[in-house]
PDB file of N, CA and C in Angstrom:
ATOM      1  N   UNK A   1     -27.263  41.374  50.190  1.00  0.00           N
ATOM      2  CA  UNK A   1     -26.710  40.840  48.689  1.00  0.00           C
ATOM      3  C   UNK A   1     -27.547  39.512  47.883  1.00  0.00           C
ATOM      4  N   UNK A   2     -28.537  39.780  47.403  1.00  0.00           N
ATOM      5  CA  UNK A   2     -29.210  38.561  46.626  1.00  0.00           C
ATOM      6  C   UNK A   2     -28.373  37.950  46.113  1.00  0.00           C
ATOM      7  N   UNK A   3     -28.563  36.434  45.567  1.00  0.00           N
ATOM      8  CA  UNK A   3     -27.700  35.424  45.377  1.00  0.00           C
ATOM      9  C   UNK A   3     -28.280  35.553  43.501  1.00  0.00           C
ATOM     10  N   UNK A   4     -27.527  35.646  42.796  1.00  0.00           N
ATOM     11  CA  UNK A   4     -27.974  35.221  40.963  1.00  0.00           C
ATOM     12  C   UNK A   4     -28.002  34.192  40.814  1.00  0.00           C
ATOM     13  N   UNK A   5     -29.347  33.948  40.393  1.00  0.00           N
ATOM     14  CA  UNK A   5     -29.358  32.990  39.776  1.00  0.00           C
ATOM     15  C   UNK A   5     -29.299  32.157  38.293  1.00  0.00           C
ATOM     16  N   UNK A   6     -29.116  31.339  38.357  1.00  0.00           N
ATOM     17  CA  UNK A   6     -28.113  30.341  37.150  1.00  0.00           C
ATOM     18  C   UNK A   6     -28.632  29.218  36.903  1.00  0.00           C
ATOM     19  N   UNK A   7     -28.863  29.311  35.125  1.00  0.00           N
ATOM     20  CA  UNK A   7     -29.810  28.308  34.315  1.00  0.00           C
ATOM     21  C   UNK A   7     -29.096  26.781  35.084  1.00  0.00           C
ATOM     22  N   UNK A   8     -29.712  25.738  35.600  1.00  0.00           N
ATOM     23  CA  UNK A   8     -29.128  24.401  36.048  1.00  0.00           C
ATOM     24  C   UNK A   8     -30.047  23.735  35.163  1.00  0.00           C
ATOM     25  N   UNK A   9     -29.674  22.267  35.461  1.00  0.00           N
ATOM     26  CA  UNK A   9     -30.176  20.886  34.579  1.00  0.00           C
ATOM     27  C   UNK A   9     -30.484  20.249  35.832  1.00  0.00           C
ATOM     28  N   UNK A  10     -31.959  20.148  36.537  1.00  0.00           N
ATOM     29  CA  UNK A  10     -32.108  19.160  37.587  1.00  0.00           C
ATOM     30  C   UNK A  10     -32.368  17.972  37.619  1.00  0.00           C
ATOM     31  N   UNK A  11     -31.852  16.632  37.766  1.00  0.00           N
ATOM     32  CA  UNK A  11     -32.170  15.206  37.745  1.00  0.00           C
ATOM     33  C   UNK A  11     -32.980  15.085  38.768  1.00  0.00           C
ATOM     34  N   UNK A  12     -34.095  14.409  38.485  1.00  0.00           N
ATOM     35  CA  UNK A  12     -35.342  13.711  39.750  1.00  0.00           C
ATOM     36  C   UNK A  12     -34.699  12.390  39.849  1.00  0.00           C
ATOM     37  N   UNK A  13     -35.269  11.438  41.207  1.00  0.00           N
ATOM     38  CA  UNK A  13     -35.134  10.312  41.116  1.00  0.00           C
ATOM     39  C   UNK A  13     -36.190   9.521  41.707  1.00  0.00           C
ATOM     40  N   UNK A  14     -36.672   8.678  41.844  1.00  0.00           N
ATOM     41  CA  UNK A  14     -37.858   7.604  42.530  1.00  0.00           C
ATOM     42  C   UNK A  14     -37.458   7.262  43.267  1.00  0.00           C
ATOM     43  N   UNK A  15     -36.144   7.223  43.690  1.00  0.00           N
ATOM     44  CA  UNK A  15     -35.874   6.728  45.106  1.00  0.00           C
ATOM     45  C   UNK A  15     -34.352   7.255  45.728  1.00  0.00           C
ATOM     46  N   UNK A  16     -34.381   7.166  47.063  1.00  0.00           N
ATOM     47  CA  UNK A  16     -32.959   8.082  47.425  1.00  0.00           C
ATOM     48  C   UNK A  16     -31.622   7.084  46.874  1.00  0.00           C
ATOM     49  N   UNK A  17     -31.853   5.721  46.651  1.00  0.00           N
ATOM     50  CA  UNK A  17     -31.016   4.835  46.672  1.00  0.00           C
ATOM     51  C   UNK A  17     -30.310   5.331  44.823  1.00  0.00           C
ATOM     52  N   UNK A  18     -31.179   5.749  44.223  1.00  0.00           N
ATOM     53  CA  UNK A  18     -30.867   5.875  42.602  1.00  0.00           C
ATOM     54  C   UNK A  18     -30.169   6.811  42.706  1.00  0.00           C
ATOM     55  N   UNK A  19     -30.836   8.090  43.665  1.00  0.00           N
ATOM     56  CA  UNK A  19     -30.241   9.602  43.639  1.00  0.00           C
ATOM     57  C   UNK A  19     -28.717   9.068  43.701  1.00  0.00           C
ATOM     58  N   UNK A  20     -28.561   8.542  45.106  1.00  0.00           N
ATOM     59  CA  UNK A  20     -27.155   8.713  45.826  1.00  0.00           C
ATOM     60  C   UNK A  20     -25.964   7.970  45.063  1.00  0.00           C
ATOM     61  N   UNK A  21     -26.618   6.842  44.173  1.00  0.00           N
ATOM     62  CA  UNK A  21     -25.543   6.147  43.217  1.00  0.00           C
ATOM     63  C   UNK A  21     -25.423   7.101  41.863  1.00  0.00           C
ATOM     64  N   UNK A  22     -26.540   7.879  41.652  1.00  0.00           N
ATOM     65  CA  UNK A  22     -26.014   8.889  40.307  1.00  0.00           C
ATOM     66  C   UNK A  22     -25.051   9.632  40.764  1.00  0.00           C
ATOM     67  N   UNK A  23     -25.282  10.293  42.422  1.00  0.00           N
ATOM     68  CA  UNK A  23     -23.971  10.749  42.651  1.00  0.00           C
ATOM     69  C   UNK A  23     -22.462  10.545  42.833  1.00  0.00           C
ATOM     70  N   UNK A  24     -22.692   9.463  42.987  1.00  0.00           N
ATOM     71  CA  UNK A  24     -21.264   8.519  43.257  1.00  0.00           C
ATOM     72  C   UNK A  24     -20.893   8.815  42.078  1.00  0.00           C
ATOM     73  N   UNK A  25     -21.507   8.314  40.899  1.00  0.00           N
ATOM     74  CA  UNK A  25     -20.987   7.993  39.758  1.00  0.00           C
ATOM     75  C   UNK A  25     -20.946   9.354  38.943  1.00  0.00           C
ATOM     76  N   UNK A  26     -21.456  10.492  39.189  1.00  0.00           N
ATOM     77  CA  UNK A  26     -21.275  11.553  38.455  1.00  0.00           C
ATOM     78  C   UNK A  26     -20.395  12.086  38.975  1.00  0.00           C
ATOM     79  N   UNK A  27     -20.191  11.962  40.243  1.00  0.00           N
ATOM     80  CA  UNK A  27     -18.470  12.432  40.345  1.00  0.00           C
ATOM     81  C   UNK A  27     -17.397  11.650  39.935  1.00  0.00           C
ATOM     82  N   UNK A  28     -17.680  10.237  39.987  1.00  0.00           N
ATOM     83  CA  UNK A  28     -16.509   9.513  39.255  1.00  0.00           C
ATOM     84  C   UNK A  28     -16.467   9.734  37.788  1.00  0.00           C
ATOM     85  N   UNK A  29     -17.613  10.301  36.998  1.00  0.00           N
ATOM     86  CA  UNK A  29     -17.197  10.761  35.723  1.00  0.00           C
ATOM     87  C   UNK A  29     -16.743  12.177  35.388  1.00  0.00           C
ATOM     88  N   UNK A  30     -16.131  12.969  37.104  1.00  0.00           N
ATOM     89  CA  UNK A  30     -15.821  14.887  36.632  1.00  0.00           C
ATOM     90  C   UNK A  30     -16.694  15.285  36.395  1.00  0.00           C
ATOM     91  N   UNK A  31     -18.610  15.116  37.015  1.00  0.00           N
ATOM     92  CA  UNK A  31     -19.049  16.048  36.789  1.00  0.00           C
ATOM     93  C   UNK A  31     -19.056  17.206  37.548  1.00  0.00           C
ATOM     94  N   UNK A  32     -19.661  18.211  37.662  1.00  0.00           N
ATOM     95  CA  UNK A  32     -19.533  19.130  38.911  1.00  0.00           C
ATOM     96  C   UNK A  32     -20.820  19.097  38.850  1.00  0.00           C
ATOM     97  N   UNK A  33     -21.445  19.128  39.935  1.00  0.00           N
ATOM     98  CA  UNK A  33     -22.421  18.630  40.640  1.00  0.00           C
ATOM     99  C   UNK A  33     -22.818  18.552  42.066  1.00  0.00           C
ATOM    100  N   UNK A  34     -23.905  18.459  42.279  1.00  0.00           N
ATOM    101  CA  UNK A  34     -24.662  17.705  43.969  1.00  0.00           C
ATOM    102  C   UNK A  34     -26.081  17.651  43.915  1.00  0.00           C
ATOM    103  N   UNK A  35     -26.194  16.536  44.623  1.00  0.00           N
ATOM    104  CA  UNK A  35     -27.719  16.501  45.172  1.00  0.00           C
ATOM    105  C   UNK A  35     -28.431  17.651  45.811  1.00  0.00           C
ATOM    106  N   UNK A  36     -29.747  17.788  45.685  1.00  0.00           N
ATOM    107  CA  UNK A  36     -30.105  19.073  46.427  1.00  0.00           C
ATOM    108  C   UNK A  36     -31.619  18.561  46.657  1.00  0.00           C
ATOM    109  N   UNK A  37     -32.144  19.029  47.791  1.00  0.00           N
ATOM    110  CA  UNK A  37     -33.745  19.188  48.059  1.00  0.00           C
ATOM    111  C   UNK A  37     -34.415  19.157  46.673  1.00  0.00           C
ATOM    112  N   UNK A  38     -35.480  18.669  46.075  1.00  0.00           N
ATOM    113  CA  UNK A  38     -35.766  18.991  44.840  1.00  0.00           C
ATOM    114  C   UNK A  38     -36.617  19.871  45.116  1.00  0.00           C
ATOM    115  N   UNK A  39     -36.639  21.330  44.047  1.00  0.00           N
ATOM    116  CA  UNK A  39     -37.017  22.240  44.207  1.00  0.00           C
ATOM    117  C   UNK A  39     -38.642  22.312  43.821  1.00  0.00           C
ATOM    118  N   UNK A  40     -39.521  23.562  44.352  1.00  0.00           N
ATOM    119  CA  UNK A  40     -41.103  23.159  44.993  1.00  0.00           C
ATOM    120  C   UNK A  40     -41.446  23.356  43.421  1.00  0.00           C
ATOM    121  N   UNK A  41     -40.752  23.843  42.387  1.00  0.00           N
ATOM    122  CA  UNK A  41     -41.432  24.051  40.996  1.00  0.00           C
ATOM    123  C   UNK A  41     -41.341  22.750  40.537  1.00  0.00           C
ATOM    124  N   UNK A  42     -41.032  21.572  40.893  1.00  0.00           N
ATOM    125  CA  UNK A  42     -40.910  20.389  40.586  1.00  0.00           C
ATOM    126  C   UNK A  42     -41.738  19.084  41.457  1.00  0.00           C
ATOM    127  N   UNK A  43     -42.579  18.271  40.883  1.00  0.00           N
ATOM    128  CA  UNK A  43     -43.251  17.609  42.009  1.00  0.00           C
ATOM    129  C   UNK A  43     -41.980  16.549  42.469  1.00  0.00           C
ATOM    130  N   UNK A  44     -42.205  16.361  44.049  1.00  0.00           N
ATOM    131  CA  UNK A  44     -41.412  15.784  44.670  1.00  0.00           C
ATOM    132  C   UNK A  44     -41.404  14.181  44.470  1.00  0.00           C
ATOM    133  N   UNK A  45     -40.195  13.953  44.053  1.00  0.00           N
ATOM    134  CA  UNK A  45     -40.226  12.035  44.142  1.00  0.00           C
ATOM    135  C   UNK A  45     -39.731  11.104  45.501  1.00  0.00           C
ATOM    136  N   UNK A  46     -38.125  11.370  44.812  1.00  0.00           N
ATOM    137  CA  UNK A  46     -37.964  10.662  46.459  1.00  0.00           C
ATOM    138  C   UNK A  46     -37.570  12.143  47.291  1.00  0.00           C
ATOM    139  N   UNK A  47     -37.312  12.991  47.004  1.00  0.00           N
ATOM    140  CA  UNK A  47     -37.301  13.993  47.386  1.00  0.00           C
ATOM    141  C   UNK A  47     -35.726  15.215  47.660  1.00  0.00           C
ATOM    142  N   UNK A  48     -34.590  14.321  46.573  1.00  0.00           N
ATOM    143  CA  UNK A  48     -33.541  14.640  46.412  1.00  0.00           C
ATOM    144  C   UNK A  48     -33.471  14.643  44.630  1.00  0.00           C
ATOM    145  N   UNK A  49     -32.504  15.630  44.344  1.00  0.00           N
ATOM    146  CA  UNK A  49     -32.377  15.767  43.093  1.00  0.00           C
ATOM    147  C   UNK A  49     -31.208  15.898  42.950  1.00  0.00           C
ATOM    148  N   UNK A  50     -30.275  15.667  41.499  1.00  0.00           N
ATOM    149  CA  UNK A  50     -29.157  16.227  40.870  1.00  0.00           C
ATOM    150  C   UNK A  50     -29.234  17.311  40.405  1.00  0.00           C
ATOM    151  N   UNK A  51     -28.246  18.597  41.023  1.00  0.00           N
ATOM    152  CA  UNK A  51     -27.964  19.875  40.345  1.00  0.00           C
ATOM    153  C   UNK A  51     -26.940  19.867  39.298  1.00  0.00           C
ATOM    154  N   UNK A  52     -26.855  20.648  38.142  1.00  0.00           N
ATOM    155  CA  UNK A  52     -25.513  20.462  37.452  1.00  0.00           C
ATOM    156  C   UNK A  52     -25.810  22.020  36.896  1.00  0.00           C
ATOM    157  N   UNK A  53     -24.532  22.574  36.556  1.00  0.00           N
ATOM    158  CA  UNK A  53     -24.665  24.060  35.700  1.00  0.00           C
ATOM    159  C   UNK A  53     -25.363  23.563  34.618  1.00  0.00           C
ATOM    160  N   UNK A  54     -26.023  24.479  33.816  1.00  0.00           N
ATOM    161  CA  UNK A  54     -26.381  23.887  32.146  1.00  0.00           C
ATOM    162  C   UNK A  54     -25.372  23.968  31.261  1.00  0.00           C
ATOM    163  N   UNK A  55     -23.865  24.566  31.538  1.00  0.00           N
ATOM    164  CA  UNK A  55     -22.493  24.399  30.523  1.00  0.00           C
ATOM    165  C   UNK A  55     -22.167  22.535  31.108  1.00  0.00           C
ATOM    166  N   UNK A  56     -22.605  21.823  31.683  1.00  0.00           N
ATOM    167  CA  UNK A  56     -22.249  20.518  32.342  1.00  0.00           C
ATOM    168  C   UNK A  56     -23.346  19.576  31.197  1.00  0.00           C
ATOM    169  N   UNK A  57     -24.392  20.228  30.402  1.00  0.00           N
ATOM    170  CA  UNK A  57     -25.243  19.373  30.194  1.00  0.00           C
ATOM    171  C   UNK A  57     -24.840  18.081  29.573  1.00  0.00           C
ATOM    172  N   UNK A  58     -24.010  18.136  28.395  1.00  0.00           N
ATOM    173  CA  UNK A  58     -23.434  17.350  26.886  1.00  0.00           C
ATOM    174  C   UNK A  58     -22.464  16.153  27.888  1.00  0.00           C
ATOM    175  N   UNK A  59     -21.919  16.382  29.180  1.00  0.00           N
ATOM    176  CA  UNK A  59     -21.400  15.248  29.764  1.00  0.00           C
ATOM    177  C   UNK A  59     -22.946  14.642  30.748  1.00  0.00           C
ATOM    178  N   UNK A  60     -23.437  15.354  30.760  1.00  0.00           N
ATOM    179  CA  UNK A  60     -24.430  14.824  31.788  1.00  0.00           C
ATOM    180  C   UNK A  60     -25.925  13.939  30.979  1.00  0.00           C
ATOM    181  N   UNK A  61     -26.061  14.273  30.076  1.00  0.00           N
ATOM    182  CA  UNK A  61     -26.621  13.868  28.850  1.00  0.00           C
ATOM    183  C   UNK A  61     -25.942  12.204  28.737  1.00  0.00           C
ATOM    184  N   UNK A  62     -24.289  12.320  28.740  1.00  0.00           N
ATOM    185  CA  UNK A  62     -23.167  11.231  28.087  1.00  0.00           C
ATOM    186  C   UNK A  62     -23.724  10.193  29.596  1.00  0.00           C
ATOM    187  N   UNK A  63     -24.098  10.435  30.729  1.00  0.00           N
ATOM    188  CA  UNK A  63     -23.787   9.622  32.042  1.00  0.00           C
ATOM    189  C   UNK A  63     -25.027   9.022  32.047  1.00  0.00           C
ATOM    190  N   UNK A  64     -26.451  10.122  31.600  1.00  0.00           N
ATOM    191  CA  UNK A  64     -27.695   9.484  31.510  1.00  0.00           C
ATOM    192  C   UNK A  64     -28.174   8.495  30.660  1.00  0.00           C
ATOM    193  N   UNK A  65     -27.094   8.068  30.018  1.00  0.00           N
ATOM    194  CA  UNK A  65     -27.557   6.995  28.806  1.00  0.00           C
ATOM    195  C   UNK A  65     -27.552   5.802  29.393  1.00  0.00           C
ATOM    196  N   UNK A  66     -26.735   5.558  30.516  1.00  0.00           N
ATOM    197  CA  UNK A  66     -26.327   4.587  31.021  1.00  0.00           C
ATOM    198  C   UNK A  66     -27.318   3.602  31.681  1.00  0.00           C
ATOM    199  N   UNK A  67     -27.517   2.582  31.248  1.00  0.00           N
ATOM    200  CA  UNK A  67     -28.938   2.067  31.730  1.00  0.00           C
ATOM    201  C   UNK A  67     -28.724   1.413  32.996  1.00  0.00           C
ATOM    202  N   UNK A  68     -27.497   1.894  33.806  1.00  0.00           N
ATOM    203  CA  UNK A  68     -27.334   1.489  35.391  1.00  0.00           C
ATOM    204  C   UNK A  68     -27.816   2.796  36.350  1.00  0.00           C
ATOM    205  N   UNK A  69     -28.364   3.857  35.580  1.00  0.00           N
ATOM    206  CA  UNK A  69     -28.509   4.717  36.315  1.00  0.00           C
ATOM    207  C   UNK A  69     -29.769   5.368  35.993  1.00  0.00           C
ATOM    208  N   UNK A  70     -30.771   4.969  37.365  1.00  0.00           N
ATOM    209  CA  UNK A  70     -32.215   5.400  36.921  1.00  0.00           C
ATOM    210  C   UNK A  70     -32.491   6.908  37.248  1.00  0.00           C
ATOM    211  N   UNK A  71     -33.567   7.457  36.907  1.00  0.00           N
ATOM    212  CA  UNK A  71     -34.112   8.721  37.209  1.00  0.00           C
ATOM    213  C   UNK A  71     -35.502   8.752  36.495  1.00  0.00           C
ATOM    214  N   UNK A  72     -36.059   9.598  37.400  1.00  0.00           N
ATOM    215  CA  UNK A  72     -37.086   9.937  36.815  1.00  0.00           C
ATOM    216  C   UNK A  72     -37.502  10.974  35.839  1.00  0.00           C
ATOM    217  N   UNK A  73     -36.577  12.023  35.918  1.00  0.00           N
ATOM    218  CA  UNK A  73     -37.190  13.020  35.213  1.00  0.00           C
ATOM    219  C   UNK A  73     -35.729  14.282  35.100  1.00  0.00           C
ATOM    220  N   UNK A  74     -36.257  14.912  34.074  1.00  0.00           N
ATOM    221  CA  UNK A  74     -34.628  15.965  33.727  1.00  0.00           C
ATOM    222  C   UNK A  74     -35.791  17.261  33.644  1.00  0.00           C
ATOM    223  N   UNK A  75     -34.894  18.689  34.513  1.00  0.00           N
ATOM    224  CA  UNK A  75     -35.664  19.325  34.334  1.00  0.00           C
ATOM    225  C   UNK A  75     -34.814  20.801  34.146  1.00  0.00           C
ATOM    226  N   UNK A  76     -34.880  21.591  33.077  1.00  0.00           N
ATOM    227  CA  UNK A  76     -34.156  22.977  33.062  1.00  0.00           C
ATOM    228  C   UNK A  76     -34.586  24.083  34.071  1.00  0.00           C
ATOM    229  N   UNK A  77     -33.976  24.771  35.303  1.00  0.00           N
ATOM    230  CA  UNK A  77     -34.524  25.799  35.806  1.00  0.00           C
ATOM    231  C   UNK A  77     -33.431  27.082  36.400  1.00  0.00           C
ATOM    232  N   UNK A  78     -33.946  27.921  36.598  1.00  0.00           N
ATOM    233  CA  UNK A  78     -33.067  28.752  36.706  1.00  0.00           C
ATOM    234  C   UNK A  78     -32.827  28.873  38.426  1.00  0.00           C
ATOM    235  N   UNK A  79     -31.831  28.393  38.883  1.00  0.00           N
ATOM    236  CA  UNK A  79     -31.701  28.270  40.821  1.00  0.00           C
ATOM    237  C   UNK A  79     -30.706  29.036  41.152  1.00  0.00           C
TER     238      UNK A  79
END
């Protein structure tokens, strides 16, 4: 049985520390998501990325506005 793909927002980071801090703050903010290996479709940065379903986009955009959360890029993919 093949897994069904779904649209996701993927946030990449320059450092592992940035990724782990984002994960902590994302969970504290109630976001449903997790750290994943950077998908091959995206150039690797630190090797970790945050993945959330597309329906989390509004809450995720609010979190990305915080100056203490550093990220390299955001992408929309079917995962």
